[in-house]
Amino acid sequence: MAGGVITTGAHPKLLWPGIRAIWGRTYDQYDTEHTDLFDQVSSDKNYEEYLEVGGFGLAQIKPQGQGVAYDTEAQGQTMRLTNVTLALGYIVTWEELNDNLYEVVSKRRAIANATSMRQTKEFIGANIYNRAFNATYVGGDNVPLCSLVHPQIYGGTLANKPTVDVDLSEQALEDAIIGIMGLTDARGLLIKLMPRSLHVPRQEWFNANRILRSVQQSGTANNDLNILRVTNALPEGIKVNHYFSSAHAWFIRTRFAAEQGMIYQERTKVQFDQDNDFDTKNAKAASFERYVFGWGDWRSVWGVNGP
């Protein structure tokens, strides 16, 4: 990242009349997208921990005259999310501000700073999904977010991805939803885990819309109804994320309480400060905020690393 101070030599043309417009610093931006990927929770500490506790198993037959079978709880994985501070600023000499004929335009630096802070958050949030299949980035159970072998408290493993990764299609979506509805808790008891929304990169945007919005089956001569559309299988629809790095990986979010699934943990909201240095008279401005992205229960996402 380039450092230093913005002086009159940084863009000398701004010191002369005749410049009608400046371009290249800011552009139109996509709407906020990390809010589609995570549920926001507040934090008032350096870190927060999210703990798994296993419930009870199935009831047992009580033979006549004998005692009731008693069960117990067990502690599972713990996910610690430590808040980090993100900051970005700039320094402008007094002379540059004093000589700049386009002071109103130069104040757009604050907008450019805000844009950088905003996109930083989008990249960090999307990277949780970009690394969902990467064994280097693991959760509290020491496996990636999307894995075939999430270890369970009482033994065994569960998966939140298919055994064989496939490209996005009607059949692949149906198989994923069937897999989601078959997931259990740590004791093997069925849970009402329903699909919520489909998340795709820009490369799959049109394909996803053809699959879900067609009245009849997409890409076939069949006269069958598009059952995904008819049953409203993904009630919150399709969400495109422009920060996904894989062209064909796709995800389904499931319904989960805000503090249990995909988490955007906010410690300090974004702030913009400015001040002047007494000796140099340089103007300083900076933005900062404190947050972290992560997850608690991996069941909140079903991921497919499409080839």
Protein backbone atom coordinates (compact mmCIF):
# COMPACT_ATOMS: atom_id res chain seq x y z
CA MET A 1 0.00 0.00 0.00
CA ALA A 2 1.37 3.40 -0.94
CA GLY A 3 2.08 5.65 2.00
CA GLY A 4 3.20 9.20 2.52
CA VAL A 5 1.60 12.62 2.46
CA ILE A 6 -0.52 14.22 -0.26
CA THR A 7 1.40 17.32 -1.36
CA THR A 8 0.99 19.88 -4.13
CA GLY A 9 3.08 17.58 -6.32
CA ALA A 10 0.63 14.67 -6.01
CA HIS A 11 -1.71 16.14 -8.66
CA PRO A 12 -0.33 19.52 -9.81
CA LYS A 13 -3.12 19.98 -12.36
CA LEU A 14 -5.49 20.73 -9.50
CA LEU A 15 -3.48 23.88 -8.84
CA TRP A 16 -4.44 25.33 -12.21
CA PRO A 17 -7.82 26.51 -13.49
CA GLY A 18 -9.50 24.65 -16.30
CA ILE A 19 -10.13 21.21 -14.76
CA ARG A 20 -13.79 20.41 -15.25
CA ALA A 21 -14.03 17.02 -13.60
CA ILE A 22 -11.92 14.44 -11.78
CA TRP A 23 -12.36 10.73 -12.36
CA GLY A 24 -10.84 7.51 -11.06
CA ARG A 25 -11.22 8.09 -7.33
CA THR A 26 -14.78 6.94 -6.77
CA TYR A 27 -17.32 4.98 -8.78
CA ASP A 28 -20.82 3.73 -8.19
CA GLN A 29 -20.79 0.86 -5.72
CA TYR A 30 -22.78 -2.35 -5.39
CA ASP A 31 -25.27 -2.46 -2.54
CA THR A 32 -24.00 -3.90 0.73
CA GLU A 33 -23.71 -7.67 0.28
CA HIS A 34 -22.18 -9.03 3.49
CA THR A 35 -25.56 -8.58 5.18
CA ASP A 36 -26.89 -11.38 2.93
CA LEU A 37 -24.15 -13.72 4.11
CA PHE A 38 -24.20 -13.09 7.87
CA ASP A 39 -26.46 -12.11 10.74
CA GLN A 40 -25.20 -9.19 12.80
CA VAL A 41 -24.61 -9.42 16.54
CA SER A 42 -23.11 -6.84 18.88
CA SER A 43 -20.04 -7.30 21.04
CA ASP A 44 -18.72 -5.44 24.06
CA LYS A 45 -15.52 -7.42 24.64
CA ASN A 46 -12.23 -8.24 22.93
CA TYR A 47 -13.66 -11.59 21.84
CA GLU A 48 -16.83 -13.64 22.09
CA GLU A 49 -17.12 -17.41 22.32
CA TYR A 50 -19.84 -19.57 20.83
CA LEU A 51 -20.24 -22.94 22.55
CA GLU A 52 -21.91 -26.13 21.35
CA VAL A 53 -23.80 -28.19 23.93
CA GLY A 54 -25.13 -31.63 23.02
CA GLY A 55 -28.75 -32.39 23.95
CA PHE A 56 -30.47 -35.61 24.95
CA GLY A 57 -30.93 -38.75 22.91
CA LEU A 58 -34.09 -40.75 22.23
CA ALA A 59 -36.25 -41.93 25.09
CA GLN A 60 -35.70 -45.48 26.35
CA ILE A 61 -38.22 -48.17 27.20
CA LYS A 62 -38.68 -48.39 30.98
CA PRO A 63 -39.19 -52.01 32.00
CA GLN A 64 -41.86 -52.56 34.62
CA GLY A 65 -40.58 -51.94 38.10
CA GLN A 66 -37.26 -50.56 36.95
CA GLY A 67 -35.90 -47.06 37.02
CA VAL A 68 -35.96 -44.34 34.39
CA ALA A 69 -32.93 -44.05 32.08
CA TYR A 70 -31.20 -40.71 32.67
CA ASP A 71 -29.21 -38.85 30.02
CA THR A 72 -26.70 -36.04 30.31
CA GLU A 73 -25.38 -33.13 28.31
CA ALA A 74 -21.88 -32.71 26.90
CA GLN A 75 -19.83 -29.74 25.77
CA GLY A 76 -18.80 -29.70 22.13
CA GLN A 77 -16.81 -27.27 20.02
CA THR A 78 -16.06 -23.70 21.00
CA MET A 79 -15.65 -21.01 18.36
CA ARG A 80 -13.84 -17.86 19.52
CA LEU A 81 -14.33 -14.75 17.39
CA THR A 82 -11.80 -12.05 18.25
CA ASN A 83 -12.63 -8.53 17.11
CA VAL A 84 -10.02 -6.80 14.94
CA THR A 85 -9.59 -3.11 14.16
CA LEU A 86 -9.59 -1.97 10.53
CA ALA A 87 -8.40 1.54 9.76
CA LEU A 88 -7.39 3.71 6.80
CA GLY A 89 -6.40 7.35 6.67
CA TYR A 90 -4.66 10.04 4.63
CA ILE A 91 -2.59 13.16 5.26
CA VAL A 92 -2.75 16.37 3.22
CA THR A 93 -0.29 19.25 3.56
CA TRP A 94 -1.63 22.67 4.48
CA GLU A 95 -0.11 24.05 1.30
CA GLU A 96 -1.93 21.53 -0.89
CA LEU A 97 -5.26 22.42 0.66
CA ASN A 98 -4.47 26.12 0.51
CA ASP A 99 -3.44 26.08 -3.17
CA ASN A 100 -5.95 23.54 -4.45
CA LEU A 101 -8.48 25.37 -6.64
CA TYR A 102 -10.92 22.51 -6.36
CA GLU A 103 -11.33 22.19 -2.62
CA VAL A 104 -14.91 20.95 -2.93
CA VAL A 105 -13.78 18.20 -5.27
CA SER A 106 -10.78 17.36 -3.09
CA LYS A 107 -13.11 16.76 -0.16
CA ARG A 108 -14.28 13.70 -2.03
CA ARG A 109 -11.26 12.03 -0.48
CA ALA A 110 -13.51 11.33 2.47
CA ILE A 111 -15.91 9.51 0.15
CA ALA A 112 -13.03 7.52 -1.34
CA ASN A 113 -11.91 6.62 2.17
CA ALA A 114 -15.40 5.42 3.06
CA THR A 115 -15.52 3.36 -0.14
CA SER A 116 -12.26 1.63 0.78
CA MET A 117 -13.51 0.84 4.28
CA ARG A 118 -16.77 -0.51 2.90
CA GLN A 119 -15.16 -2.75 0.32
CA THR A 120 -12.64 -4.01 2.88
CA LYS A 121 -15.57 -5.30 4.93
CA GLU A 122 -17.13 -6.92 1.87
CA PHE A 123 -13.87 -8.72 1.00
CA ILE A 124 -13.34 -9.94 4.56
CA GLY A 125 -16.90 -11.22 4.84
CA ALA A 126 -16.85 -12.96 1.45
CA ASN A 127 -13.53 -14.60 2.31
CA ILE A 128 -15.27 -16.72 4.95
CA TYR A 129 -17.13 -18.33 2.05
CA ASN A 130 -14.16 -18.21 -0.34
CA ARG A 131 -12.22 -20.30 2.18
CA ALA A 132 -15.14 -22.54 3.11
CA PHE A 133 -13.49 -25.63 1.58
CA ASN A 134 -9.90 -24.77 2.50
CA ALA A 135 -8.38 -27.02 5.18
CA THR A 136 -6.14 -24.12 6.31
CA TYR A 137 -9.13 -22.15 7.61
CA VAL A 138 -11.06 -24.13 10.20
CA GLY A 139 -13.76 -23.58 12.76
CA GLY A 140 -14.11 -24.70 16.34
CA ASP A 141 -14.31 -28.34 15.25
CA ASN A 142 -10.97 -28.09 13.38
CA VAL A 143 -12.45 -28.62 9.92
CA PRO A 144 -13.44 -26.04 7.27
CA LEU A 145 -16.85 -24.39 7.24
CA CYS A 146 -18.10 -26.80 4.55
CA SER A 147 -16.85 -30.33 5.13
CA LEU A 148 -17.78 -33.99 4.84
CA VAL A 149 -16.40 -34.78 8.30
CA HIS A 150 -17.73 -32.41 10.96
CA PRO A 151 -17.01 -34.39 14.16
CA GLN A 152 -19.90 -34.91 16.56
CA ILE A 153 -19.77 -34.81 20.36
CA TYR A 154 -20.97 -38.38 20.80
CA GLY A 155 -19.05 -39.83 17.88
CA GLY A 156 -19.42 -39.97 14.13
CA THR A 157 -19.36 -37.18 11.57
CA LEU A 158 -21.83 -35.12 9.55
CA ALA A 159 -21.50 -33.27 6.26
CA ASN A 160 -22.71 -29.92 4.92
CA LYS A 161 -21.51 -30.47 1.37
CA PRO A 162 -22.03 -33.23 -1.22
CA THR A 163 -19.61 -36.15 -1.49
CA VAL A 164 -18.94 -35.12 -5.09
CA ASP A 165 -19.00 -31.39 -5.87
CA VAL A 166 -21.19 -30.48 -8.85
CA ASP A 167 -22.08 -27.40 -10.83
CA LEU A 168 -25.26 -25.51 -10.03
CA SER A 169 -28.31 -27.18 -11.55
CA GLU A 170 -31.91 -28.03 -10.70
CA GLN A 171 -30.92 -31.54 -9.64
CA ALA A 172 -27.97 -30.27 -7.59
CA LEU A 173 -30.24 -27.82 -5.75
CA GLU A 174 -32.78 -30.52 -5.02
CA ASP A 175 -30.06 -32.84 -3.70
CA ALA A 176 -28.65 -30.05 -1.51
CA ILE A 177 -32.05 -29.25 -0.01
CA ILE A 178 -32.70 -32.94 0.64
CA GLY A 179 -29.32 -33.09 2.40
CA ILE A 180 -30.13 -30.03 4.49
CA MET A 181 -33.50 -31.42 5.60
CA GLY A 182 -31.81 -34.66 6.65
CA LEU A 183 -29.27 -33.08 8.99
CA THR A 184 -29.46 -33.98 12.67
CA ASP A 185 -28.24 -32.59 15.95
CA ALA A 186 -25.24 -34.05 17.78
CA ARG A 187 -27.47 -36.81 19.22
CA GLY A 188 -28.75 -37.84 15.82
CA LEU A 189 -32.19 -36.29 16.32
CA LEU A 190 -33.77 -34.66 13.27
CA ILE A 191 -33.95 -30.87 13.30
CA LYS A 192 -36.20 -28.57 11.29
CA LEU A 193 -33.42 -27.09 9.21
CA MET A 194 -34.93 -25.34 6.22
CA PRO A 195 -33.19 -23.65 3.27
CA ARG A 196 -33.28 -19.89 3.29
CA SER A 197 -31.44 -18.41 0.29
CA LEU A 198 -29.11 -19.32 -2.56
CA HIS A 199 -25.78 -17.46 -2.81
CA VAL A 200 -23.88 -17.42 -6.07
CA PRO A 201 -21.00 -15.58 -7.76
CA ARG A 202 -21.72 -13.25 -10.67
CA GLN A 203 -20.80 -16.04 -13.11
CA GLU A 204 -23.79 -18.10 -11.92
CA TRP A 205 -26.29 -15.26 -11.63
CA PHE A 206 -28.14 -15.92 -14.90
CA ASN A 207 -27.98 -19.69 -14.49
CA ALA A 208 -29.46 -19.44 -10.99
CA ASN A 209 -32.31 -17.26 -12.22
CA ARG A 210 -33.12 -19.63 -15.08
CA ILE A 211 -33.24 -22.56 -12.66
CA LEU A 212 -35.38 -20.95 -9.96
CA ARG A 213 -37.61 -18.56 -11.90
CA SER A 214 -38.67 -20.72 -14.83
CA VAL A 215 -42.33 -21.74 -14.69
CA GLN A 216 -41.46 -25.20 -16.01
CA GLN A 217 -38.30 -27.24 -15.72
CA SER A 218 -35.37 -25.27 -17.04
CA GLY A 219 -33.37 -26.58 -20.00
CA THR A 220 -35.64 -29.54 -20.78
CA ALA A 221 -38.54 -30.34 -23.09
CA ASN A 222 -40.51 -31.67 -20.14
CA ASN A 223 -43.87 -30.14 -19.31
CA ASP A 224 -43.24 -30.63 -15.58
CA LEU A 225 -43.58 -27.70 -13.22
CA ASN A 226 -40.46 -26.13 -11.76
CA ILE A 227 -40.94 -27.69 -8.35
CA LEU A 228 -38.32 -25.45 -6.72
CA ARG A 229 -40.37 -22.41 -7.73
CA VAL A 230 -43.77 -23.94 -6.94
CA THR A 231 -42.75 -25.00 -3.42
CA ASN A 232 -40.86 -21.75 -2.75
CA ALA A 233 -37.94 -23.93 -1.71
CA LEU A 234 -35.67 -20.90 -1.22
CA PRO A 235 -38.01 -18.25 0.21
CA GLU A 236 -35.40 -15.46 0.32
CA GLY A 237 -34.39 -16.08 -3.27
CA ILE A 238 -31.07 -15.67 -5.03
CA LYS A 239 -28.29 -13.46 -3.69
CA VAL A 240 -25.34 -12.61 -5.92
CA ASN A 241 -22.03 -11.79 -4.27
CA HIS A 242 -19.50 -9.91 -6.39
CA TYR A 243 -16.69 -10.72 -3.96
CA PHE A 244 -16.84 -14.50 -4.29
CA SER A 245 -13.55 -15.63 -5.79
CA SER A 246 -14.69 -18.98 -7.24
CA ALA A 247 -16.70 -18.82 -10.45
CA HIS A 248 -18.74 -21.93 -9.66
CA ALA A 249 -18.91 -22.42 -5.89
CA TRP A 250 -22.40 -21.87 -4.50
CA PHE A 251 -24.03 -21.91 -1.07
CA ILE A 252 -27.40 -22.29 0.58
CA ARG A 253 -27.99 -20.53 3.88
CA THR A 254 -30.38 -22.15 6.33
CA ARG A 255 -32.63 -20.62 8.95
CA PHE A 256 -30.71 -20.07 12.17
CA ALA A 257 -30.79 -17.81 15.21
CA ALA A 258 -28.54 -14.77 14.75
CA GLU A 259 -25.99 -15.78 17.40
CA GLN A 260 -25.69 -19.41 16.31
CA GLY A 261 -25.01 -19.50 12.56
CA MET A 262 -23.11 -17.15 10.26
CA ILE A 263 -21.99 -14.23 12.40
CA TYR A 264 -20.96 -10.64 11.73
CA GLN A 265 -19.78 -9.52 15.16
CA GLU A 266 -19.56 -5.73 15.52
CA ARG A 267 -17.55 -4.19 18.35
CA THR A 268 -17.26 -0.57 17.16
CA LYS A 269 -19.20 1.05 14.33
CA VAL A 270 -17.23 2.82 11.61
CA GLN A 271 -16.06 6.28 12.63
CA PHE A 272 -14.36 9.08 10.70
CA ASP A 273 -11.99 11.43 12.55
CA GLN A 274 -9.92 14.38 11.41
CA ASP A 275 -7.35 16.60 13.03
CA ASN A 276 -4.43 18.94 12.22
CA ASP A 277 -0.80 18.45 13.15
CA PHE A 278 0.41 21.46 15.18
CA ASP A 279 3.94 21.64 13.77
CA THR A 280 3.38 20.84 10.08
CA LYS A 281 -0.21 22.08 9.85
CA ASN A 282 -0.92 18.92 7.86
CA ALA A 283 -4.51 17.77 7.84
CA LYS A 284 -5.08 14.18 8.91
CA ALA A 285 -8.19 12.12 8.39
CA ALA A 286 -8.88 8.46 9.13
CA SER A 287 -11.67 5.93 9.39
CA PHE A 288 -11.69 2.97 11.75
CA GLU A 289 -14.03 0.25 12.94
CA ARG A 290 -13.79 -3.01 14.84
CA TYR A 291 -15.48 -6.27 13.92
CA VAL A 292 -15.00 -9.90 12.89
CA PHE A 293 -16.76 -12.40 10.65
CA GLY A 294 -17.13 -16.07 11.50
CA TRP A 295 -19.56 -18.84 12.31
CA GLY A 296 -20.88 -20.89 15.18
CA ASP A 297 -22.91 -23.85 13.93
CA TRP A 298 -21.77 -25.07 10.51
CA ARG A 299 -25.29 -26.32 9.80
CA SER A 300 -26.15 -22.73 8.92
CA VAL A 301 -24.60 -23.21 5.45
CA TRP A 302 -24.56 -25.92 2.80
CA GLY A 303 -21.71 -25.37 0.35
CA VAL A 304 -20.82 -26.86 -3.02
CA ASN A 305 -17.41 -26.24 -4.53
CA GLY A 306 -18.58 -26.44 -8.14
CA PRO A 307 -15.85 -27.63 -10.52
